[in-house]
Amino acid sequence: KLVDLQIGGIVLLIMQACASAGIRIPAEISLLGKTLMNLDRLGI
């Protein structure tokens, strides 16, 4: 649903998929995911 659609949440799930596959993502990218998640909440 539109209210549940979070770009930040999707980025965080992608980072989790990277970790599961053995891909180490820079820390600032995870920080970016959390930033976008907070923006999603602000937008709603």
PDB file of all heavy atoms in Angstrom:
ATOM      1  N   LYS A   1       0.850  -1.185   0.000  1.00  0.00           N
ATOM      2  CA  LYS A   1       0.000   0.000   0.000  1.00  0.00           C
ATOM      3  C   LYS A   1       0.887   1.237   0.000  1.00  0.00           C
ATOM      4  O   LYS A   1       2.035   1.208   0.450  1.00  0.00           O
ATOM      5  CB  LYS A   1      -0.901   0.013   1.232  1.00  0.00           C
ATOM      6  CG  LYS A   1      -1.891  -1.146   1.289  1.00  0.00           C
ATOM      7  CD  LYS A   1      -2.706  -1.078   2.572  1.00  0.00           C
ATOM      8  CE  LYS A   1      -3.668  -2.257   2.673  1.00  0.00           C
ATOM      9  NZ  LYS A   1      -4.407  -2.243   3.951  1.00  0.00           N
ATOM     10  N   LEU A   2       0.363   2.344  -0.458  1.00  0.00           N
ATOM     11  CA  LEU A   2       1.146   3.575  -0.543  1.00  0.00           C
ATOM     12  C   LEU A   2       1.711   3.968   0.813  1.00  0.00           C
ATOM     13  O   LEU A   2       2.865   4.393   0.928  1.00  0.00           O
ATOM     14  CB  LEU A   2       0.267   4.714  -1.094  1.00  0.00           C
ATOM     15  CG  LEU A   2       1.023   5.924  -1.668  1.00  0.00           C
ATOM     16  CD1 LEU A   2       1.921   5.486  -2.809  1.00  0.00           C
ATOM     17  CD2 LEU A   2       0.038   6.987  -2.132  1.00  0.00           C
ATOM     18  N   VAL A   3       0.932   3.809   1.880  1.00  0.00           N
ATOM     19  CA  VAL A   3       1.383   4.204   3.204  1.00  0.00           C
ATOM     20  C   VAL A   3       2.513   3.302   3.708  1.00  0.00           C
ATOM     21  O   VAL A   3       3.297   3.687   4.565  1.00  0.00           O
ATOM     22  CB  VAL A   3       0.194   4.196   4.201  1.00  0.00           C
ATOM     23  CG1 VAL A   3      -0.228   2.766   4.511  1.00  0.00           C
ATOM     24  CG2 VAL A   3       0.548   4.938   5.486  1.00  0.00           C
ATOM     25  N   ASP A   4       2.594   2.077   3.149  1.00  0.00           N
ATOM     26  CA  ASP A   4       3.639   1.134   3.568  1.00  0.00           C
ATOM     27  C   ASP A   4       4.865   1.178   2.669  1.00  0.00           C
ATOM     28  O   ASP A   4       5.866   0.515   2.953  1.00  0.00           O
ATOM     29  CB  ASP A   4       3.088  -0.294   3.581  1.00  0.00           C
ATOM     30  CG  ASP A   4       1.963  -0.464   4.588  1.00  0.00           C
ATOM     31  OD1 ASP A   4       2.027   0.195   5.633  1.00  0.00           O
ATOM     32  OD2 ASP A   4       1.032  -1.243   4.319  1.00  0.00           O
ATOM     33  N   LEU A   5       4.795   1.935   1.577  1.00  0.00           N
ATOM     34  CA  LEU A   5       5.881   1.963   0.614  1.00  0.00           C
ATOM     35  C   LEU A   5       6.993   2.872   1.114  1.00  0.00           C
ATOM     36  O   LEU A   5       6.827   4.083   1.190  1.00  0.00           O
ATOM     37  CB  LEU A   5       5.350   2.453  -0.745  1.00  0.00           C
ATOM     38  CG  LEU A   5       6.367   2.525  -1.885  1.00  0.00           C
ATOM     39  CD1 LEU A   5       6.954   1.145  -2.148  1.00  0.00           C
ATOM     40  CD2 LEU A   5       5.726   3.075  -3.136  1.00  0.00           C
ATOM     41  N   GLN A   6       8.132   2.290   1.474  1.00  0.00           N
ATOM     42  CA  GLN A   6       9.239   3.060   2.024  1.00  0.00           C
ATOM     43  C   GLN A   6      10.503   2.782   1.225  1.00  0.00           C
ATOM     44  O   GLN A   6      10.998   1.658   1.195  1.00  0.00           O
ATOM     45  CB  GLN A   6       9.466   2.717   3.493  1.00  0.00           C
ATOM     46  CG  GLN A   6       8.305   3.100   4.399  1.00  0.00           C
ATOM     47  CD  GLN A   6       8.642   2.898   5.864  1.00  0.00           C
ATOM     48  OE1 GLN A   6       9.576   2.209   6.209  1.00  0.00           O
ATOM     49  NE2 GLN A   6       7.877   3.530   6.721  1.00  0.00           N
ATOM     50  N   ILE A   7      11.037   3.832   0.584  1.00  0.00           N
ATOM     51  CA  ILE A   7      12.279   3.693  -0.165  1.00  0.00           C
ATOM     52  C   ILE A   7      13.411   3.308   0.782  1.00  0.00           C
ATOM     53  O   ILE A   7      14.239   2.447   0.484  1.00  0.00           O
ATOM     54  CB  ILE A   7      12.618   5.007  -0.896  1.00  0.00           C
ATOM     55  CG1 ILE A   7      11.607   5.259  -2.016  1.00  0.00           C
ATOM     56  CG2 ILE A   7      14.029   4.951  -1.464  1.00  0.00           C
ATOM     57  CD1 ILE A   7      11.667   4.261  -3.136  1.00  0.00           C
ATOM     58  N   GLY A   8      13.446   3.939   1.970  1.00  0.00           N
ATOM     59  CA  GLY A   8      14.482   3.612   2.938  1.00  0.00           C
ATOM     60  C   GLY A   8      14.421   2.158   3.358  1.00  0.00           C
ATOM     61  O   GLY A   8      15.449   1.489   3.480  1.00  0.00           O
ATOM     62  N   GLY A   9      13.202   1.652   3.578  1.00  0.00           N
ATOM     63  CA  GLY A   9      13.042   0.249   3.942  1.00  0.00           C
ATOM     64  C   GLY A   9      13.537  -0.677   2.845  1.00  0.00           C
ATOM     65  O   GLY A   9      14.160  -1.712   3.120  1.00  0.00           O
ATOM     66  N   ILE A  10      13.276  -0.323   1.586  1.00  0.00           N
ATOM     67  CA  ILE A  10      13.746  -1.140   0.464  1.00  0.00           C
ATOM     68  C   ILE A  10      15.274  -1.139   0.413  1.00  0.00           C
ATOM     69  O   ILE A  10      15.903  -2.187   0.208  1.00  0.00           O
ATOM     70  CB  ILE A  10      13.151  -0.618  -0.861  1.00  0.00           C
ATOM     71  CG1 ILE A  10      11.629  -0.791  -0.864  1.00  0.00           C
ATOM     72  CG2 ILE A  10      13.768  -1.342  -2.049  1.00  0.00           C
ATOM     73  CD1 ILE A  10      10.933  -0.141  -2.037  1.00  0.00           C
ATOM     74  N   VAL A  11      15.879   0.038   0.610  1.00  0.00           N
ATOM     75  CA  VAL A  11      17.346   0.119   0.606  1.00  0.00           C
ATOM     76  C   VAL A  11      17.936  -0.756   1.709  1.00  0.00           C
ATOM     77  O   VAL A  11      18.924  -1.469   1.503  1.00  0.00           O
ATOM     78  CB  VAL A  11      17.806   1.582   0.755  1.00  0.00           C
ATOM     79  CG1 VAL A  11      19.317   1.658   0.962  1.00  0.00           C
ATOM     80  CG2 VAL A  11      17.421   2.395  -0.473  1.00  0.00           C
ATOM     81  N   LEU A  12      17.321  -0.726   2.905  1.00  0.00           N
ATOM     82  CA  LEU A  12      17.819  -1.550   4.009  1.00  0.00           C
ATOM     83  C   LEU A  12      17.686  -3.036   3.703  1.00  0.00           C
ATOM     84  O   LEU A  12      18.579  -3.831   4.033  1.00  0.00           O
ATOM     85  CB  LEU A  12      17.067  -1.202   5.302  1.00  0.00           C
ATOM     86  CG  LEU A  12      17.326   0.193   5.891  1.00  0.00           C
ATOM     87  CD1 LEU A  12      16.501   0.410   7.142  1.00  0.00           C
ATOM     88  CD2 LEU A  12      18.804   0.382   6.209  1.00  0.00           C
ATOM     89  N   LEU A  13      16.585  -3.438   3.059  1.00  0.00           N
ATOM     90  CA  LEU A  13      16.424  -4.848   2.671  1.00  0.00           C
ATOM     91  C   LEU A  13      17.464  -5.252   1.630  1.00  0.00           C
ATOM     92  O   LEU A  13      17.983  -6.374   1.655  1.00  0.00           O
ATOM     93  CB  LEU A  13      15.012  -5.076   2.119  1.00  0.00           C
ATOM     94  CG  LEU A  13      13.872  -5.052   3.146  1.00  0.00           C
ATOM     95  CD1 LEU A  13      12.525  -5.136   2.440  1.00  0.00           C
ATOM     96  CD2 LEU A  13      14.023  -6.202   4.144  1.00  0.00           C
ATOM     97  N   ILE A  14      17.783  -4.337   0.721  1.00  0.00           N
ATOM     98  CA  ILE A  14      18.822  -4.615  -0.278  1.00  0.00           C
ATOM     99  C   ILE A  14      20.180  -4.790   0.410  1.00  0.00           C
ATOM    100  O   ILE A  14      20.968  -5.672   0.052  1.00  0.00           O
ATOM    101  CB  ILE A  14      18.874  -3.483  -1.327  1.00  0.00           C
ATOM    102  CG1 ILE A  14      17.601  -3.528  -2.189  1.00  0.00           C
ATOM    103  CG2 ILE A  14      20.119  -3.604  -2.197  1.00  0.00           C
ATOM    104  CD1 ILE A  14      17.408  -2.315  -3.064  1.00  0.00           C
ATOM    105  N   MET A  15      20.444  -3.964   1.426  1.00  0.00           N
ATOM    106  CA  MET A  15      21.701  -4.103   2.169  1.00  0.00           C
ATOM    107  C   MET A  15      21.763  -5.455   2.887  1.00  0.00           C
ATOM    108  O   MET A  15      22.821  -6.079   2.961  1.00  0.00           O
ATOM    109  CB  MET A  15      21.835  -2.972   3.188  1.00  0.00           C
ATOM    110  CG  MET A  15      21.899  -1.561   2.622  1.00  0.00           C
ATOM    111  SD  MET A  15      23.206  -1.297   1.414  1.00  0.00           S
ATOM    112  CE  MET A  15      22.276  -1.363  -0.133  1.00  0.00           C
ATOM    113  N   GLN A  16      20.626  -5.903   3.408  1.00  0.00           N
ATOM    114  CA  GLN A  16      20.586  -7.219   4.048  1.00  0.00           C
ATOM    115  C   GLN A  16      20.855  -8.327   3.036  1.00  0.00           C
ATOM    116  O   GLN A  16      21.562  -9.300   3.330  1.00  0.00           O
ATOM    117  CB  GLN A  16      19.233  -7.444   4.714  1.00  0.00           C
ATOM    118  CG  GLN A  16      19.086  -6.730   6.054  1.00  0.00           C
ATOM    119  CD  GLN A  16      17.826  -7.150   6.784  1.00  0.00           C
ATOM    120  OE1 GLN A  16      16.789  -7.377   6.178  1.00  0.00           O
ATOM    121  NE2 GLN A  16      17.919  -7.252   8.091  1.00  0.00           N
ATOM    122  N   ALA A  17      20.285  -8.195   1.841  1.00  0.00           N
ATOM    123  CA  ALA A  17      20.524  -9.190   0.795  1.00  0.00           C
ATOM    124  C   ALA A  17      22.005  -9.213   0.409  1.00  0.00           C
ATOM    125  O   ALA A  17      22.576 -10.278   0.159  1.00  0.00           O
ATOM    126  CB  ALA A  17      19.665  -8.884  -0.440  1.00  0.00           C
ATOM    127  N   CYS A  18      22.640  -8.046   0.393  1.00  0.00           N
ATOM    128  CA  CYS A  18      24.077  -7.971   0.099  1.00  0.00           C
ATOM    129  C   CYS A  18      24.877  -8.704   1.170  1.00  0.00           C
ATOM    130  O   CYS A  18      25.804  -9.470   0.863  1.00  0.00           O
ATOM    131  CB  CYS A  18      24.527  -6.514   0.013  1.00  0.00           C
ATOM    132  SG  CYS A  18      23.928  -5.625  -1.434  1.00  0.00           S
ATOM    133  N   ALA A  19      24.538  -8.466   2.440  1.00  0.00           N
ATOM    134  CA  ALA A  19      25.249  -9.124   3.537  1.00  0.00           C
ATOM    135  C   ALA A  19      25.091 -10.637   3.457  1.00  0.00           C
ATOM    136  O   ALA A  19      26.049 -11.386   3.663  1.00  0.00           O
ATOM    137  CB  ALA A  19      24.741  -8.600   4.876  1.00  0.00           C
ATOM    138  N   SER A  20      23.881 -11.101   3.125  1.00  0.00           N
ATOM    139  CA  SER A  20      23.638 -12.542   3.017  1.00  0.00           C
ATOM    140  C   SER A  20      24.445 -13.161   1.881  1.00  0.00           C
ATOM    141  O   SER A  20      24.842 -14.327   1.951  1.00  0.00           O
ATOM    142  CB  SER A  20      22.154 -12.816   2.805  1.00  0.00           C
ATOM    143  OG  SER A  20      21.385 -12.340   3.891  1.00  0.00           O
ATOM    144  N   ALA A  21      24.682 -12.373   0.824  1.00  0.00           N
ATOM    145  CA  ALA A  21      25.433 -12.879  -0.337  1.00  0.00           C
ATOM    146  C   ALA A  21      26.939 -12.740  -0.157  1.00  0.00           C
ATOM    147  O   ALA A  21      27.701 -13.115  -1.050  1.00  0.00           O
ATOM    148  CB  ALA A  21      24.985 -12.135  -1.593  1.00  0.00           C
ATOM    149  N   GLY A  22      27.383 -12.190   0.982  1.00  0.00           N
ATOM    150  CA  GLY A  22      28.824 -12.024   1.212  1.00  0.00           C
ATOM    151  C   GLY A  22      29.390 -10.759   0.603  1.00  0.00           C
ATOM    152  O   GLY A  22      30.597 -10.656   0.364  1.00  0.00           O
ATOM    153  N   ILE A  23      28.525  -9.774   0.351  1.00  0.00           N
ATOM    154  CA  ILE A  23      28.971  -8.493  -0.215  1.00  0.00           C
ATOM    155  C   ILE A  23      28.999  -7.456   0.907  1.00  0.00           C
ATOM    156  O   ILE A  23      27.962  -7.192   1.520  1.00  0.00           O
ATOM    157  CB  ILE A  23      28.033  -8.026  -1.351  1.00  0.00           C
ATOM    158  CG1 ILE A  23      27.953  -9.088  -2.431  1.00  0.00           C
ATOM    159  CG2 ILE A  23      28.491  -6.700  -1.920  1.00  0.00           C
ATOM    160  CD1 ILE A  23      26.812  -8.876  -3.412  1.00  0.00           C
ATOM    161  N   ARG A  24      30.166  -6.893   1.166  1.00  0.00           N
ATOM    162  CA  ARG A  24      30.293  -5.913   2.244  1.00  0.00           C
ATOM    163  C   ARG A  24      30.042  -4.516   1.677  1.00  0.00           C
ATOM    164  O   ARG A  24      30.792  -4.027   0.825  1.00  0.00           O
ATOM    165  CB  ARG A  24      31.679  -5.988   2.890  1.00  0.00           C
ATOM    166  CG  ARG A  24      31.752  -5.213   4.191  1.00  0.00           C
ATOM    167  CD  ARG A  24      33.005  -5.516   4.976  1.00  0.00           C
ATOM    168  NE  ARG A  24      34.197  -5.009   4.325  1.00  0.00           N
ATOM    169  CZ  ARG A  24      35.289  -5.726   4.090  1.00  0.00           C
ATOM    170  NH1 ARG A  24      35.329  -6.997   4.422  1.00  0.00           N
ATOM    171  NH2 ARG A  24      36.337  -5.196   3.491  1.00  0.00           N
ATOM    172  N   ILE A  25      28.975  -3.886   2.174  1.00  0.00           N
ATOM    173  CA  ILE A  25      28.572  -2.563   1.703  1.00  0.00           C
ATOM    174  C   ILE A  25      29.175  -1.506   2.631  1.00  0.00           C
ATOM    175  O   ILE A  25      29.196  -1.674   3.853  1.00  0.00           O
ATOM    176  CB  ILE A  25      27.039  -2.449   1.688  1.00  0.00           C
ATOM    177  CG1 ILE A  25      26.444  -3.441   0.682  1.00  0.00           C
ATOM    178  CG2 ILE A  25      26.591  -1.039   1.345  1.00  0.00           C
ATOM    179  CD1 ILE A  25      26.786  -3.148  -0.754  1.00  0.00           C
ATOM    180  N   PRO A  26      29.677  -0.370   2.101  1.00  0.00           N
ATOM    181  CA  PRO A  26      30.209   0.687   2.965  1.00  0.00           C
ATOM    182  C   PRO A  26      29.180   1.148   3.994  1.00  0.00           C
ATOM    183  O   PRO A  26      27.979   1.187   3.713  1.00  0.00           O
ATOM    184  CB  PRO A  26      30.536   1.815   1.978  1.00  0.00           C
ATOM    185  CG  PRO A  26      30.733   1.133   0.659  1.00  0.00           C
ATOM    186  CD  PRO A  26      29.809  -0.047   0.670  1.00  0.00           C
ATOM    187  N   ALA A  27      29.666   1.506   5.194  1.00  0.00           N
ATOM    188  CA  ALA A  27      28.769   1.868   6.298  1.00  0.00           C
ATOM    189  C   ALA A  27      27.887   3.056   5.934  1.00  0.00           C
ATOM    190  O   ALA A  27      26.737   3.137   6.366  1.00  0.00           O
ATOM    191  CB  ALA A  27      29.588   2.178   7.548  1.00  0.00           C
ATOM    192  N   GLU A  28      28.407   4.003   5.127  1.00  0.00           N
ATOM    193  CA  GLU A  28      27.607   5.186   4.810  1.00  0.00           C
ATOM    194  C   GLU A  28      26.375   4.846   3.983  1.00  0.00           C
ATOM    195  O   GLU A  28      25.395   5.602   3.988  1.00  0.00           O
ATOM    196  CB  GLU A  28      28.451   6.242   4.085  1.00  0.00           C
ATOM    197  CG  GLU A  28      29.054   5.800   2.781  1.00  0.00           C
ATOM    198  CD  GLU A  28      30.469   5.274   2.937  1.00  0.00           C
ATOM    199  OE1 GLU A  28      30.830   4.843   4.057  1.00  0.00           O
ATOM    200  OE2 GLU A  28      31.207   5.281   1.934  1.00  0.00           O
ATOM    201  N   ILE A  29      26.388   3.701   3.290  1.00  0.00           N
ATOM    202  CA  ILE A  29      25.210   3.309   2.508  1.00  0.00           C
ATOM    203  C   ILE A  29      24.093   2.843   3.440  1.00  0.00           C
ATOM    204  O   ILE A  29      22.915   3.142   3.220  1.00  0.00           O
ATOM    205  CB  ILE A  29      25.566   2.215   1.486  1.00  0.00           C
ATOM    206  CG1 ILE A  29      26.726   2.677   0.606  1.00  0.00           C
ATOM    207  CG2 ILE A  29      24.368   1.886   0.634  1.00  0.00           C
ATOM    208  CD1 ILE A  29      26.459   3.953  -0.144  1.00  0.00           C
ATOM    209  N   SER A  30      24.456   2.098   4.488  1.00  0.00           N
ATOM    210  CA  SER A  30      23.446   1.716   5.481  1.00  0.00           C
ATOM    211  C   SER A  30      22.902   2.958   6.183  1.00  0.00           C
ATOM    212  O   SER A  30      21.706   3.052   6.475  1.00  0.00           O
ATOM    213  CB  SER A  30      24.058   0.758   6.507  1.00  0.00           C
ATOM    214  OG  SER A  30      24.303  -0.504   5.930  1.00  0.00           O
ATOM    215  N   LEU A  31      23.786   3.912   6.464  1.00  0.00           N
ATOM    216  CA  LEU A  31      23.362   5.177   7.060  1.00  0.00           C
ATOM    217  C   LEU A  31      22.395   5.905   6.133  1.00  0.00           C
ATOM    218  O   LEU A  31      21.393   6.490   6.571  1.00  0.00           O
ATOM    219  CB  LEU A  31      24.600   6.044   7.329  1.00  0.00           C
ATOM    220  CG  LEU A  31      24.444   7.261   8.233  1.00  0.00           C
ATOM    221  CD1 LEU A  31      24.010   6.851   9.625  1.00  0.00           C
ATOM    222  CD2 LEU A  31      25.743   8.047   8.300  1.00  0.00           C
ATOM    223  N   LEU A  32      22.665   5.829   4.839  1.00  0.00           N
ATOM    224  CA  LEU A  32      21.781   6.427   3.844  1.00  0.00           C
ATOM    225  C   LEU A  32      20.405   5.775   3.867  1.00  0.00           C
ATOM    226  O   LEU A  32      19.373   6.450   3.780  1.00  0.00           O
ATOM    227  CB  LEU A  32      22.423   6.287   2.465  1.00  0.00           C
ATOM    228  CG  LEU A  32      21.554   6.594   1.248  1.00  0.00           C
ATOM    229  CD1 LEU A  32      21.157   8.056   1.261  1.00  0.00           C
ATOM    230  CD2 LEU A  32      22.291   6.252  -0.030  1.00  0.00           C
ATOM    231  N   GLY A  33      20.379   4.421   4.000  1.00  0.00           N
ATOM    232  CA  GLY A  33      19.096   3.721   4.055  1.00  0.00           C
ATOM    233  C   GLY A  33      18.257   4.190   5.225  1.00  0.00           C
ATOM    234  O   GLY A  33      17.045   4.405   5.097  1.00  0.00           O
ATOM    235  N   LYS A  34      18.900   4.349   6.395  1.00  0.00           N
ATOM    236  CA  LYS A  34      18.169   4.813   7.579  1.00  0.00           C
ATOM    237  C   LYS A  34      17.691   6.252   7.393  1.00  0.00           C
ATOM    238  O   LYS A  34      16.591   6.609   7.826  1.00  0.00           O
ATOM    239  CB  LYS A  34      19.078   4.708   8.808  1.00  0.00           C
ATOM    240  CG  LYS A  34      18.353   4.909  10.111  1.00  0.00           C
ATOM    241  CD  LYS A  34      17.268   3.853  10.298  1.00  0.00           C
ATOM    242  CE  LYS A  34      16.411   4.144  11.508  1.00  0.00           C
ATOM    243  NZ  LYS A  34      17.173   4.066  12.754  1.00  0.00           N
ATOM    244  N   THR A  35      18.498   7.071   6.743  1.00  0.00           N
ATOM    245  CA  THR A  35      18.103   8.461   6.460  1.00  0.00           C
ATOM    246  C   THR A  35      16.850   8.488   5.581  1.00  0.00           C
ATOM    247  O   THR A  35      15.896   9.223   5.846  1.00  0.00           O
ATOM    248  CB  THR A  35      19.254   9.199   5.753  1.00  0.00           C
ATOM    249  OG1 THR A  35      20.408   9.199   6.605  1.00  0.00           O
ATOM    250  CG2 THR A  35      18.867  10.638   5.435  1.00  0.00           C
ATOM    251  N   LEU A  36      16.855   7.684   4.527  1.00  0.00           N
ATOM    252  CA  LEU A  36      15.698   7.647   3.625  1.00  0.00           C
ATOM    253  C   LEU A  36      14.458   7.100   4.333  1.00  0.00           C
ATOM    254  O   LEU A  36      13.330   7.537   4.062  1.00  0.00           O
ATOM    255  CB  LEU A  36      16.017   6.795   2.397  1.00  0.00           C
ATOM    256  CG  LEU A  36      17.055   7.374   1.430  1.00  0.00           C
ATOM    257  CD1 LEU A  36      17.423   6.354   0.363  1.00  0.00           C
ATOM    258  CD2 LEU A  36      16.527   8.648   0.787  1.00  0.00           C
ATOM    259  N   MET A  37      14.666   6.152   5.261  1.00  0.00           N
ATOM    260  CA  MET A  37      13.524   5.617   6.004  1.00  0.00           C
ATOM    261  C   MET A  37      12.870   6.709   6.857  1.00  0.00           C
ATOM    262  O   MET A  37      11.637   6.818   6.916  1.00  0.00           O
ATOM    263  CB  MET A  37      13.966   4.450   6.883  1.00  0.00           C
ATOM    264  CG  MET A  37      12.827   3.813   7.683  1.00  0.00           C
ATOM    265  SD  MET A  37      13.331   2.346   8.593  1.00  0.00           S
ATOM    266  CE  MET A  37      13.330   1.135   7.279  1.00  0.00           C
ATOM    267  N   ASN A  38      13.695   7.532   7.511  1.00  0.00           N
ATOM    268  CA  ASN A  38      13.142   8.648   8.288  1.00  0.00           C
ATOM    269  C   ASN A  38      12.416   9.644   7.388  1.00  0.00           C
ATOM    270  O   ASN A  38      11.388  10.212   7.766  1.00  0.00           O
ATOM    271  CB  ASN A  38      14.263   9.363   9.053  1.00  0.00           C
ATOM    272  CG  ASN A  38      14.661   8.623  10.322  1.00  0.00           C
ATOM    273  OD1 ASN A  38      13.813   8.085  11.034  1.00  0.00           O
ATOM    274  ND2 ASN A  38      15.941   8.577  10.613  1.00  0.00           N
ATOM    275  N   LEU A  39      12.939   9.863   6.172  1.00  0.00           N
ATOM    276  CA  LEU A  39      12.285  10.774   5.237  1.00  0.00           C
ATOM    277  C   LEU A  39      10.944  10.208   4.765  1.00  0.00           C
ATOM    278  O   LEU A  39       9.987  10.962   4.550  1.00  0.00           O
ATOM    279  CB  LEU A  39      13.196  11.030   4.035  1.00  0.00           C
ATOM    280  CG  LEU A  39      14.443  11.868   4.305  1.00  0.00           C
ATOM    281  CD1 LEU A  39      15.270  12.000   3.040  1.00  0.00           C
ATOM    282  CD2 LEU A  39      14.072  13.247   4.837  1.00  0.00           C
ATOM    283  N   ASP A  40      10.888   8.894   4.579  1.00  0.00           N
ATOM    284  CA  ASP A  40       9.608   8.262   4.220  1.00  0.00           C
ATOM    285  C   ASP A  40       8.542   8.582   5.268  1.00  0.00           C
ATOM    286  O   ASP A  40       7.400   8.950   4.933  1.00  0.00           O
ATOM    287  CB  ASP A  40       9.778   6.740   4.124  1.00  0.00           C
ATOM    288  CG  ASP A  40      10.641   6.322   2.941  1.00  0.00           C
ATOM    289  OD1 ASP A  40      10.681   7.069   1.956  1.00  0.00           O
ATOM    290  OD2 ASP A  40      11.281   5.260   3.021  1.00  0.00           O
ATOM    291  N   ARG A  41       8.912   8.439   6.555  1.00  0.00           N
ATOM    292  CA  ARG A  41       7.958   8.705   7.636  1.00  0.00           C
ATOM    293  C   ARG A  41       7.553  10.170   7.655  1.00  0.00           C
ATOM    294  O   ARG A  41       6.387  10.503   7.883  1.00  0.00           O
ATOM    295  CB  ARG A  41       8.583   8.310   8.977  1.00  0.00           C
ATOM    296  CG  ARG A  41       8.816   6.803   9.130  1.00  0.00           C
ATOM    297  CD  ARG A  41       9.659   6.488  10.346  1.00  0.00           C
ATOM    298  NE  ARG A  41       9.895   5.051  10.483  1.00  0.00           N
ATOM    299  CZ  ARG A  41      10.798   4.517  11.292  1.00  0.00           C
ATOM    300  NH1 ARG A  41      11.555   5.304  12.048  1.00  0.00           N
ATOM    301  NH2 ARG A  41      10.946   3.206  11.357  1.00  0.00           N
ATOM    302  N   LEU A  42       8.530  11.053   7.418  1.00  0.00           N
ATOM    303  CA  LEU A  42       8.216  12.481   7.391  1.00  0.00           C
ATOM    304  C   LEU A  42       7.256  12.805   6.243  1.00  0.00           C
ATOM    305  O   LEU A  42       6.305  13.571   6.407  1.00  0.00           O
ATOM    306  CB  LEU A  42       9.510  13.286   7.245  1.00  0.00           C
ATOM    307  CG  LEU A  42       9.314  14.796   7.107  1.00  0.00           C
ATOM    308  CD1 LEU A  42      10.199  15.543   8.091  1.00  0.00           C
ATOM    309  CD2 LEU A  42       9.645  15.262   5.692  1.00  0.00           C
ATOM    310  N   GLY A  43       7.519  12.191   5.066  1.00  0.00           N
ATOM    311  CA  GLY A  43       6.650  12.452   3.924  1.00  0.00           C
ATOM    312  C   GLY A  43       5.219  12.021   4.181  1.00  0.00           C
ATOM    313  O   GLY A  43       4.275  12.757   3.863  1.00  0.00           O
ATOM    314  N   ILE A  44       5.042  10.837   4.792  1.00  0.00           N
ATOM    315  CA  ILE A  44       3.694  10.343   5.106  1.00  0.00           C
ATOM    316  C   ILE A  44       3.026  11.226   6.155  1.00  0.00           C
ATOM    317  O   ILE A  44       1.815  11.478   6.095  1.00  0.00           O
ATOM    318  CB  ILE A  44       3.767   8.882   5.590  1.00  0.00           C
ATOM    319  CG1 ILE A  44       4.295   7.971   4.473  1.00  0.00           C
ATOM    320  CG2 ILE A  44       2.407   8.393   6.063  1.00  0.00           C
ATOM    321  CD1 ILE A  44       3.445   7.955   3.228  1.00  0.00           C
TER     322      ILE A  44
END
